[in-house]
Amino acid sequence: MKTTGGTDAQKRRAGESAAAAVEDGNVVGLGTGSTAAYAIRAIGRAVDSGLDVRGVSTSFDSRALAREHGIPLIELDATCGPDGPGIDIAIDGADQVVLPETIDTDGTGGESGAEATGTLIKGGGAAHAREKVVDAAADRFLVVVDPAKRTEALDADVPVEVLPEARTTAAAAIRDAGGEPTLRRAERKDGPVVTDNGNLVLDCSFGRIADPDRLAETLSAIPGVLEHGLFVDLADEIHVGTDDGVTVRSV
């Protein structure tokens, strides 16, 4: 369930804008996806010019790209605990994002309602479980997107990573919660998508999501669900690459 829509130039501007916020000595969460990849490449160029950073990968792909561009890596476990450096900043993309200034849920022209929170849907690359751990652990989480990812209300399918043995029971619980789950199928091979964690992904349609916070709690409570793609109250800044620049919004 990879999303499309933005141009390479828009994605590059967003990724490079967020990468410019990385400072010497930072530990950086490295997101997954085409827009986050531009940030990783920009950080790699800065490292080549003398920037001292360490990266925490969120997937096999982001780890491979970081190594290709010379970014030293540190394991997530090593960032935690009393002696760990922590994660200073994480940069990651999104499949859909609600920007607070686009919301008018009560018709008054102002911001209101549960949707006006800078919420995201992630998981088009099936890496959302580790992405959420890294993004939540970071002191600052910067989201990088192209304009096609902006929306006034989340309505894309919500990826839900489930244990293989729990696929049918989790799907039944998702239907009870008002969703319609579809097992994500792999491309260029028979069978389903298997995550880096060895699990399956259900892409779940809920239509317009009026209360992402409540739905997030419902999905998290389903036995067998490892993680879902609703990111609520995690983003600190959203960098939107456009045809002629970047719009940055604090959340």
C-alpha atoms as a PDB file:
ATOM      1  CA  MET A   1       0.000   0.000   0.000  1.00  0.00           C
ATOM      2  CA  LYS A   2       2.576   2.541  -1.081  1.00  0.00           C
ATOM      3  CA  THR A   3       1.170   6.006  -1.702  1.00  0.00           C
ATOM      4  CA  THR A   4       1.865   8.235  -4.678  1.00  0.00           C
ATOM      5  CA  GLY A   5       1.074  11.764  -5.765  1.00  0.00           C
ATOM      6  CA  GLY A   6       3.962  14.144  -5.076  1.00  0.00           C
ATOM      7  CA  THR A   7       6.860  14.986  -7.364  1.00  0.00           C
ATOM      8  CA  ASP A   8      10.456  14.058  -6.659  1.00  0.00           C
ATOM      9  CA  ALA A   9      11.341  17.750  -6.382  1.00  0.00           C
ATOM     10  CA  GLN A  10       8.666  18.330  -3.721  1.00  0.00           C
ATOM     11  CA  LYS A  11       9.830  15.312  -1.737  1.00  0.00           C
ATOM     12  CA  ARG A  12      13.457  16.381  -2.010  1.00  0.00           C
ATOM     13  CA  ARG A  13      12.704  19.878  -0.707  1.00  0.00           C
ATOM     14  CA  ALA A  14      10.783  18.487   2.271  1.00  0.00           C
ATOM     15  CA  GLY A  15      13.468  15.941   3.142  1.00  0.00           C
ATOM     16  CA  GLU A  16      16.341  18.394   2.805  1.00  0.00           C
ATOM     17  CA  SER A  17      14.476  21.013   4.862  1.00  0.00           C
ATOM     18  CA  ALA A  18      14.145  18.618   7.800  1.00  0.00           C
ATOM     19  CA  ALA A  19      17.712  17.372   7.394  1.00  0.00           C
ATOM     20  CA  ALA A  20      18.920  20.957   7.838  1.00  0.00           C
ATOM     21  CA  ALA A  21      17.613  20.829  11.430  1.00  0.00           C
ATOM     22  CA  VAL A  22      20.098  18.078  12.353  1.00  0.00           C
ATOM     23  CA  GLU A  23      22.954  19.405  14.481  1.00  0.00           C
ATOM     24  CA  ASP A  24      26.454  18.205  15.266  1.00  0.00           C
ATOM     25  CA  GLY A  25      26.408  15.434  17.871  1.00  0.00           C
ATOM     26  CA  ASN A  26      22.778  14.460  17.261  1.00  0.00           C
ATOM     27  CA  VAL A  27      21.385  10.950  17.271  1.00  0.00           C
ATOM     28  CA  VAL A  28      18.889  10.906  14.394  1.00  0.00           C
ATOM     29  CA  GLY A  29      15.951   8.586  13.746  1.00  0.00           C
ATOM     30  CA  LEU A  30      16.020   7.727  10.043  1.00  0.00           C
ATOM     31  CA  GLY A  31      12.583   7.166   8.579  1.00  0.00           C
ATOM     32  CA  THR A  32      11.458   4.911   5.760  1.00  0.00           C
ATOM     33  CA  GLY A  33      10.034   5.875   2.379  1.00  0.00           C
ATOM     34  CA  SER A  34      10.822   7.994  -0.649  1.00  0.00           C
ATOM     35  CA  THR A  35      10.636  11.388   1.082  1.00  0.00           C
ATOM     36  CA  ALA A  36      12.585  10.326   4.174  1.00  0.00           C
ATOM     37  CA  ALA A  37      15.198   8.917   1.787  1.00  0.00           C
ATOM     38  CA  TYR A  38      15.972  12.445   0.587  1.00  0.00           C
ATOM     39  CA  ALA A  39      16.611  13.452   4.195  1.00  0.00           C
ATOM     40  CA  ILE A  40      18.955  10.489   4.681  1.00  0.00           C
ATOM     41  CA  ARG A  41      20.897  11.409   1.549  1.00  0.00           C
ATOM     42  CA  ALA A  42      21.170  15.038   2.707  1.00  0.00           C
ATOM     43  CA  ILE A  43      22.423  13.942   6.136  1.00  0.00           C
ATOM     44  CA  GLY A  44      24.927  11.687   4.410  1.00  0.00           C
ATOM     45  CA  ARG A  45      26.294  14.625   2.418  1.00  0.00           C
ATOM     46  CA  ALA A  46      26.605  16.614   5.651  1.00  0.00           C
ATOM     47  CA  VAL A  47      28.447  13.731   7.297  1.00  0.00           C
ATOM     48  CA  ASP A  48      30.816  13.656   4.345  1.00  0.00           C
ATOM     49  CA  SER A  49      31.457  17.351   5.019  1.00  0.00           C
ATOM     50  CA  GLY A  50      32.266  16.738   8.680  1.00  0.00           C
ATOM     51  CA  LEU A  51      28.930  16.578  10.538  1.00  0.00           C
ATOM     52  CA  ASP A  52      29.162  14.227  13.534  1.00  0.00           C
ATOM     53  CA  VAL A  53      25.891  12.309  13.907  1.00  0.00           C
ATOM     54  CA  ARG A  54      24.654   8.771  14.465  1.00  0.00           C
ATOM     55  CA  GLY A  55      21.540   7.326  12.923  1.00  0.00           C
ATOM     56  CA  VAL A  56      18.893   4.932  14.217  1.00  0.00           C
ATOM     57  CA  SER A  57      17.279   3.077  11.325  1.00  0.00           C
ATOM     58  CA  THR A  58      13.575   2.239  11.167  1.00  0.00           C
ATOM     59  CA  SER A  59      13.781  -0.509   8.548  1.00  0.00           C
ATOM     60  CA  PHE A  60      16.067  -2.658   6.439  1.00  0.00           C
ATOM     61  CA  ASP A  61      15.822  -0.067   3.651  1.00  0.00           C
ATOM     62  CA  SER A  62      16.692   2.949   5.806  1.00  0.00           C
ATOM     63  CA  ARG A  63      19.609   1.062   7.347  1.00  0.00           C
ATOM     64  CA  ALA A  64      20.968   0.122   3.915  1.00  0.00           C
ATOM     65  CA  LEU A  65      20.576   3.686   2.598  1.00  0.00           C
ATOM     66  CA  ALA A  66      22.298   5.159   5.661  1.00  0.00           C
ATOM     67  CA  ARG A  67      25.241   2.811   5.243  1.00  0.00           C
ATOM     68  CA  GLU A  68      25.435   3.613   1.537  1.00  0.00           C
ATOM     69  CA  HIS A  69      25.731   7.313   2.383  1.00  0.00           C
ATOM     70  CA  GLY A  70      28.217   6.920   5.196  1.00  0.00           C
ATOM     71  CA  ILE A  71      26.004   7.648   8.202  1.00  0.00           C
ATOM     72  CA  PRO A  72      27.252   5.825  11.327  1.00  0.00           C
ATOM     73  CA  LEU A  73      24.489   3.757  12.917  1.00  0.00           C
ATOM     74  CA  ILE A  74      23.586   2.971  16.504  1.00  0.00           C
ATOM     75  CA  GLU A  75      21.113   0.331  17.621  1.00  0.00           C
ATOM     76  CA  LEU A  76      17.835   1.532  19.130  1.00  0.00           C
ATOM     77  CA  ASP A  77      18.511  -0.381  22.350  1.00  0.00           C
ATOM     78  CA  ALA A  78      21.805   1.469  22.797  1.00  0.00           C
ATOM     79  CA  THR A  79      20.035   4.853  22.839  1.00  0.00           C
ATOM     80  CA  CYS A  80      17.917   3.973  25.879  1.00  0.00           C
ATOM     81  CA  GLY A  81      18.624   3.729  29.569  1.00  0.00           C
ATOM     82  CA  PRO A  82      20.540   5.977  31.963  1.00  0.00           C
ATOM     83  CA  ASP A  83      23.752   5.801  29.919  1.00  0.00           C
ATOM     84  CA  GLY A  84      22.143   6.015  26.479  1.00  0.00           C
ATOM     85  CA  PRO A  85      22.365   9.176  24.366  1.00  0.00           C
ATOM     86  CA  GLY A  86      18.667   9.173  23.515  1.00  0.00           C
ATOM     87  CA  ILE A  87      17.335  10.212  20.116  1.00  0.00           C
ATOM     88  CA  ASP A  88      17.530  13.939  19.501  1.00  0.00           C
ATOM     89  CA  ILE A  89      15.487  14.151  16.316  1.00  0.00           C
ATOM     90  CA  ALA A  90      13.577  11.794  14.041  1.00  0.00           C
ATOM     91  CA  ILE A  91      12.710  12.481  10.414  1.00  0.00           C
ATOM     92  CA  ASP A  92      10.028  10.405   8.751  1.00  0.00           C
ATOM     93  CA  GLY A  93       7.360  10.594   6.067  1.00  0.00           C
ATOM     94  CA  ALA A  94       3.611   9.987   6.153  1.00  0.00           C
ATOM     95  CA  ASP A  95       0.902   8.607   3.894  1.00  0.00           C
ATOM     96  CA  GLN A  96      -1.611  11.196   5.108  1.00  0.00           C
ATOM     97  CA  VAL A  97      -1.276  14.157   7.447  1.00  0.00           C
ATOM     98  CA  VAL A  98      -3.786  16.581   8.902  1.00  0.00           C
ATOM     99  CA  LEU A  99      -2.329  20.056   9.316  1.00  0.00           C
ATOM    100  CA  PRO A 100      -4.086  22.033  12.070  1.00  0.00           C
ATOM    101  CA  GLU A 101      -4.530  25.153   9.964  1.00  0.00           C
ATOM    102  CA  THR A 102      -6.486  23.212   7.331  1.00  0.00           C
ATOM    103  CA  ILE A 103      -9.191  22.123   9.762  1.00  0.00           C
ATOM    104  CA  ASP A 104     -12.654  23.629  10.048  1.00  0.00           C
ATOM    105  CA  THR A 105     -14.758  20.942  11.653  1.00  0.00           C
ATOM    106  CA  ASP A 106     -17.505  23.189  12.981  1.00  0.00           C
ATOM    107  CA  GLY A 107     -17.951  25.525  10.006  1.00  0.00           C
ATOM    108  CA  THR A 108     -16.755  28.635  11.839  1.00  0.00           C
ATOM    109  CA  GLY A 109     -13.493  29.029   9.989  1.00  0.00           C
ATOM    110  CA  GLY A 110     -11.400  28.151  13.054  1.00  0.00           C
ATOM    111  CA  GLU A 111      -9.636  25.063  14.277  1.00  0.00           C
ATOM    112  CA  SER A 112     -11.691  22.637  16.332  1.00  0.00           C
ATOM    113  CA  GLY A 113     -12.483  18.985  16.845  1.00  0.00           C
ATOM    114  CA  ALA A 114     -10.486  15.820  17.316  1.00  0.00           C
ATOM    115  CA  GLU A 115      -9.004  16.017  13.818  1.00  0.00           C
ATOM    116  CA  ALA A 116      -7.119  19.275  14.466  1.00  0.00           C
ATOM    117  CA  THR A 117      -4.114  17.570  16.038  1.00  0.00           C
ATOM    118  CA  GLY A 118      -1.534  17.008  13.298  1.00  0.00           C
ATOM    119  CA  THR A 119      -2.340  13.297  13.179  1.00  0.00           C
ATOM    120  CA  LEU A 120      -0.775  10.979  10.613  1.00  0.00           C
ATOM    121  CA  ILE A 121      -1.368   7.710   8.855  1.00  0.00           C
ATOM    122  CA  LYS A 122       1.849   5.796   8.196  1.00  0.00           C
ATOM    123  CA  GLY A 123       2.717   2.284   7.143  1.00  0.00           C
ATOM    124  CA  GLY A 124       2.699   2.334   3.349  1.00  0.00           C
ATOM    125  CA  GLY A 125       6.120   0.704   3.531  1.00  0.00           C
ATOM    126  CA  ALA A 126       5.065  -1.714   6.301  1.00  0.00           C
ATOM    127  CA  ALA A 127       7.661  -0.246   8.691  1.00  0.00           C
ATOM    128  CA  HIS A 128       5.275   1.616  10.990  1.00  0.00           C
ATOM    129  CA  ALA A 129       5.894  -0.467  14.120  1.00  0.00           C
ATOM    130  CA  ARG A 130       9.583   0.378  14.385  1.00  0.00           C
ATOM    131  CA  GLU A 131       8.937   3.872  13.002  1.00  0.00           C
ATOM    132  CA  LYS A 132       6.537   4.589  15.837  1.00  0.00           C
ATOM    133  CA  VAL A 133       8.996   3.377  18.469  1.00  0.00           C
ATOM    134  CA  VAL A 134      11.781   5.584  17.079  1.00  0.00           C
ATOM    135  CA  ASP A 135       9.584   8.616  16.387  1.00  0.00           C
ATOM    136  CA  ALA A 136       8.006   8.486  19.845  1.00  0.00           C
ATOM    137  CA  ALA A 137      11.393   8.154  21.544  1.00  0.00           C
ATOM    138  CA  ALA A 138      12.832  11.201  19.784  1.00  0.00           C
ATOM    139  CA  ASP A 139      12.931  14.599  21.457  1.00  0.00           C
ATOM    140  CA  ARG A 140      11.635  16.079  18.177  1.00  0.00           C
ATOM    141  CA  PHE A 141       9.765  14.334  15.385  1.00  0.00           C
ATOM    142  CA  LEU A 142       9.826  16.067  11.999  1.00  0.00           C
ATOM    143  CA  VAL A 143       7.391  14.830   9.348  1.00  0.00           C
ATOM    144  CA  VAL A 144       8.336  15.265   5.686  1.00  0.00           C
ATOM    145  CA  VAL A 145       5.641  15.126   3.007  1.00  0.00           C
ATOM    146  CA  ASP A 146       4.640  16.421  -0.396  1.00  0.00           C
ATOM    147  CA  PRO A 147       1.354  18.367  -0.812  1.00  0.00           C
ATOM    148  CA  ALA A 148      -0.530  15.277  -1.992  1.00  0.00           C
ATOM    149  CA  LYS A 149      -0.273  13.838   1.529  1.00  0.00           C
ATOM    150  CA  ARG A 150      -2.152  16.750   3.132  1.00  0.00           C
ATOM    151  CA  THR A 151      -5.800  16.185   3.974  1.00  0.00           C
ATOM    152  CA  GLU A 152      -8.547  17.822   6.016  1.00  0.00           C
ATOM    153  CA  ALA A 153      -9.459  14.490   7.591  1.00  0.00           C
ATOM    154  CA  LEU A 154      -7.748  11.130   7.692  1.00  0.00           C
ATOM    155  CA  ASP A 155      -9.530   8.696   5.397  1.00  0.00           C
ATOM    156  CA  ALA A 156      -6.825   6.431   3.986  1.00  0.00           C
ATOM    157  CA  ASP A 157      -6.555   2.773   4.924  1.00  0.00           C
ATOM    158  CA  VAL A 158      -4.893   2.250   8.307  1.00  0.00           C
ATOM    159  CA  PRO A 159      -2.128  -0.379   8.181  1.00  0.00           C
ATOM    160  CA  VAL A 160      -2.269  -2.781  11.123  1.00  0.00           C
ATOM    161  CA  GLU A 161       0.627  -5.167  11.758  1.00  0.00           C
ATOM    162  CA  VAL A 162      -0.577  -8.442  13.230  1.00  0.00           C
ATOM    163  CA  LEU A 163       0.955 -11.728  14.342  1.00  0.00           C
ATOM    164  CA  PRO A 164       0.402 -14.304  11.566  1.00  0.00           C
ATOM    165  CA  GLU A 165      -1.495 -16.585  13.948  1.00  0.00           C
ATOM    166  CA  ALA A 166      -3.827 -13.717  14.895  1.00  0.00           C
ATOM    167  CA  ARG A 167      -4.750 -12.628  11.373  1.00  0.00           C
ATOM    168  CA  THR A 168      -8.328 -13.931  11.400  1.00  0.00           C
ATOM    169  CA  THR A 169      -9.184 -13.014  14.992  1.00  0.00           C
ATOM    170  CA  ALA A 170      -7.699  -9.538  14.626  1.00  0.00           C
ATOM    171  CA  ALA A 171      -9.562  -9.038  11.353  1.00  0.00           C
ATOM    172  CA  ALA A 172     -12.827  -9.978  13.065  1.00  0.00           C
ATOM    173  CA  ALA A 173     -12.184  -7.461  15.864  1.00  0.00           C
ATOM    174  CA  ILE A 174     -11.370  -4.763  13.306  1.00  0.00           C
ATOM    175  CA  ARG A 175     -14.684  -5.439  11.546  1.00  0.00           C
ATOM    176  CA  ASP A 176     -16.452  -5.135  14.899  1.00  0.00           C
ATOM    177  CA  ALA A 177     -14.773  -1.715  15.267  1.00  0.00           C
ATOM    178  CA  GLY A 178     -16.217  -0.573  11.932  1.00  0.00           C
ATOM    179  CA  GLY A 179     -13.275  -1.326   9.666  1.00  0.00           C
ATOM    180  CA  GLU A 180     -12.837  -3.507   6.625  1.00  0.00           C
ATOM    181  CA  PRO A 181      -9.451  -5.282   6.725  1.00  0.00           C
ATOM    182  CA  THR A 182      -7.623  -6.535   3.650  1.00  0.00           C
ATOM    183  CA  LEU A 183      -4.477  -8.646   3.847  1.00  0.00           C
ATOM    184  CA  ARG A 184      -1.682  -6.797   2.069  1.00  0.00           C
ATOM    185  CA  ARG A 185      -0.346  -8.898  -0.788  1.00  0.00           C
ATOM    186  CA  ALA A 186       3.275  -8.832  -1.892  1.00  0.00           C
ATOM    187  CA  GLU A 187       4.312  -7.536  -5.293  1.00  0.00           C
ATOM    188  CA  ARG A 188       6.392  -9.693  -7.666  1.00  0.00           C
ATOM    189  CA  LYS A 189       5.885 -12.772  -5.498  1.00  0.00           C
ATOM    190  CA  ASP A 190       3.055 -14.973  -4.327  1.00  0.00           C
ATOM    191  CA  GLY A 191       1.728 -14.508  -0.817  1.00  0.00           C
ATOM    192  CA  PRO A 192       1.361 -11.651   1.645  1.00  0.00           C
ATOM    193  CA  VAL A 193       3.730  -8.863   2.627  1.00  0.00           C
ATOM    194  CA  VAL A 194       5.895  -9.906   5.576  1.00  0.00           C
ATOM    195  CA  THR A 195       7.282  -7.099   7.742  1.00  0.00           C
ATOM    196  CA  ASP A 196      10.850  -6.805   9.048  1.00  0.00           C
ATOM    197  CA  ASN A 197       9.382  -8.200  12.283  1.00  0.00           C
ATOM    198  CA  GLY A 198       8.051 -11.333  10.562  1.00  0.00           C
ATOM    199  CA  ASN A 199       4.404 -10.287  10.779  1.00  0.00           C
ATOM    200  CA  LEU A 200       1.522  -9.585   8.383  1.00  0.00           C
ATOM    201  CA  VAL A 201      -0.196  -6.306   7.509  1.00  0.00           C
ATOM    202  CA  LEU A 202      -3.934  -5.696   7.313  1.00  0.00           C
ATOM    203  CA  ASP A 203      -4.898  -2.529   5.436  1.00  0.00           C
ATOM    204  CA  CYS A 204      -8.069  -1.388   7.178  1.00  0.00           C
ATOM    205  CA  SER A 205     -10.635   0.959   5.664  1.00  0.00           C
ATOM    206  CA  PHE A 206     -12.644   3.046   8.134  1.00  0.00           C
ATOM    207  CA  GLY A 207     -13.761   5.849   5.831  1.00  0.00           C
ATOM    208  CA  ARG A 208     -13.404   9.321   7.315  1.00  0.00           C
ATOM    209  CA  ILE A 209     -11.804   8.965  10.751  1.00  0.00           C
ATOM    210  CA  ALA A 210     -13.499  11.527  12.982  1.00  0.00           C
ATOM    211  CA  ASP A 211     -11.676  10.542  16.169  1.00  0.00           C
ATOM    212  CA  PRO A 212      -8.196   9.145  15.443  1.00  0.00           C
ATOM    213  CA  ASP A 213      -7.298   9.024  19.139  1.00  0.00           C
ATOM    214  CA  ARG A 214     -10.208   6.742  19.997  1.00  0.00           C
ATOM    215  CA  LEU A 215      -9.606   4.500  16.985  1.00  0.00           C
ATOM    216  CA  ALA A 216      -5.912   4.269  17.896  1.00  0.00           C
ATOM    217  CA  GLU A 217      -6.833   3.071  21.382  1.00  0.00           C
ATOM    218  CA  THR A 218      -9.303   0.543  19.962  1.00  0.00           C
ATOM    219  CA  LEU A 219      -6.774  -0.945  17.542  1.00  0.00           C
ATOM    220  CA  SER A 220      -4.025  -1.073  20.165  1.00  0.00           C
ATOM    221  CA  ALA A 221      -6.282  -3.085  22.466  1.00  0.00           C
ATOM    222  CA  ILE A 222      -6.904  -5.894  19.942  1.00  0.00           C
ATOM    223  CA  PRO A 223      -4.996  -9.068  20.902  1.00  0.00           C
ATOM    224  CA  GLY A 224      -2.457 -10.006  18.254  1.00  0.00           C
ATOM    225  CA  VAL A 225      -1.979  -6.462  16.965  1.00  0.00           C
ATOM    226  CA  LEU A 226       1.649  -5.422  17.182  1.00  0.00           C
ATOM    227  CA  GLU A 227       1.137  -1.837  15.968  1.00  0.00           C
ATOM    228  CA  HIS A 228      -1.108   0.319  13.774  1.00  0.00           C
ATOM    229  CA  GLY A 229      -0.404   3.218  11.460  1.00  0.00           C
ATOM    230  CA  LEU A 230      -2.242   5.980  13.329  1.00  0.00           C
ATOM    231  CA  PHE A 231       0.316   8.409  14.777  1.00  0.00           C
ATOM    232  CA  VAL A 232      -1.493  10.667  17.248  1.00  0.00           C
ATOM    233  CA  ASP A 233       0.168  13.545  19.148  1.00  0.00           C
ATOM    234  CA  LEU A 234       3.675  12.551  18.057  1.00  0.00           C
ATOM    235  CA  ALA A 235       4.647  15.082  15.369  1.00  0.00           C
ATOM    236  CA  ASP A 236       6.400  18.320  16.345  1.00  0.00           C
ATOM    237  CA  GLU A 237       6.895  19.845  12.889  1.00  0.00           C
ATOM    238  CA  ILE A 238       5.555  19.071   9.444  1.00  0.00           C
ATOM    239  CA  HIS A 239       7.685  20.013   6.423  1.00  0.00           C
ATOM    240  CA  VAL A 240       5.642  20.185   3.221  1.00  0.00           C
ATOM    241  CA  GLY A 241       7.702  20.406   0.062  1.00  0.00           C
ATOM    242  CA  THR A 242       6.122  22.473  -2.703  1.00  0.00           C
ATOM    243  CA  ASP A 243       7.033  23.428  -6.268  1.00  0.00           C
ATOM    244  CA  ASP A 244       8.931  26.501  -5.111  1.00  0.00           C
ATOM    245  CA  GLY A 245       9.912  25.902  -1.493  1.00  0.00           C
ATOM    246  CA  VAL A 246       8.929  24.328   1.820  1.00  0.00           C
ATOM    247  CA  THR A 247       6.109  25.125   4.241  1.00  0.00           C
ATOM    248  CA  VAL A 248       6.936  24.283   7.853  1.00  0.00           C
ATOM    249  CA  ARG A 249       4.185  23.984  10.443  1.00  0.00           C
ATOM    250  CA  SER A 250       4.617  23.378  14.168  1.00  0.00           C
ATOM    251  CA  VAL A 251       2.099  21.027  15.731  1.00  0.00           C
END
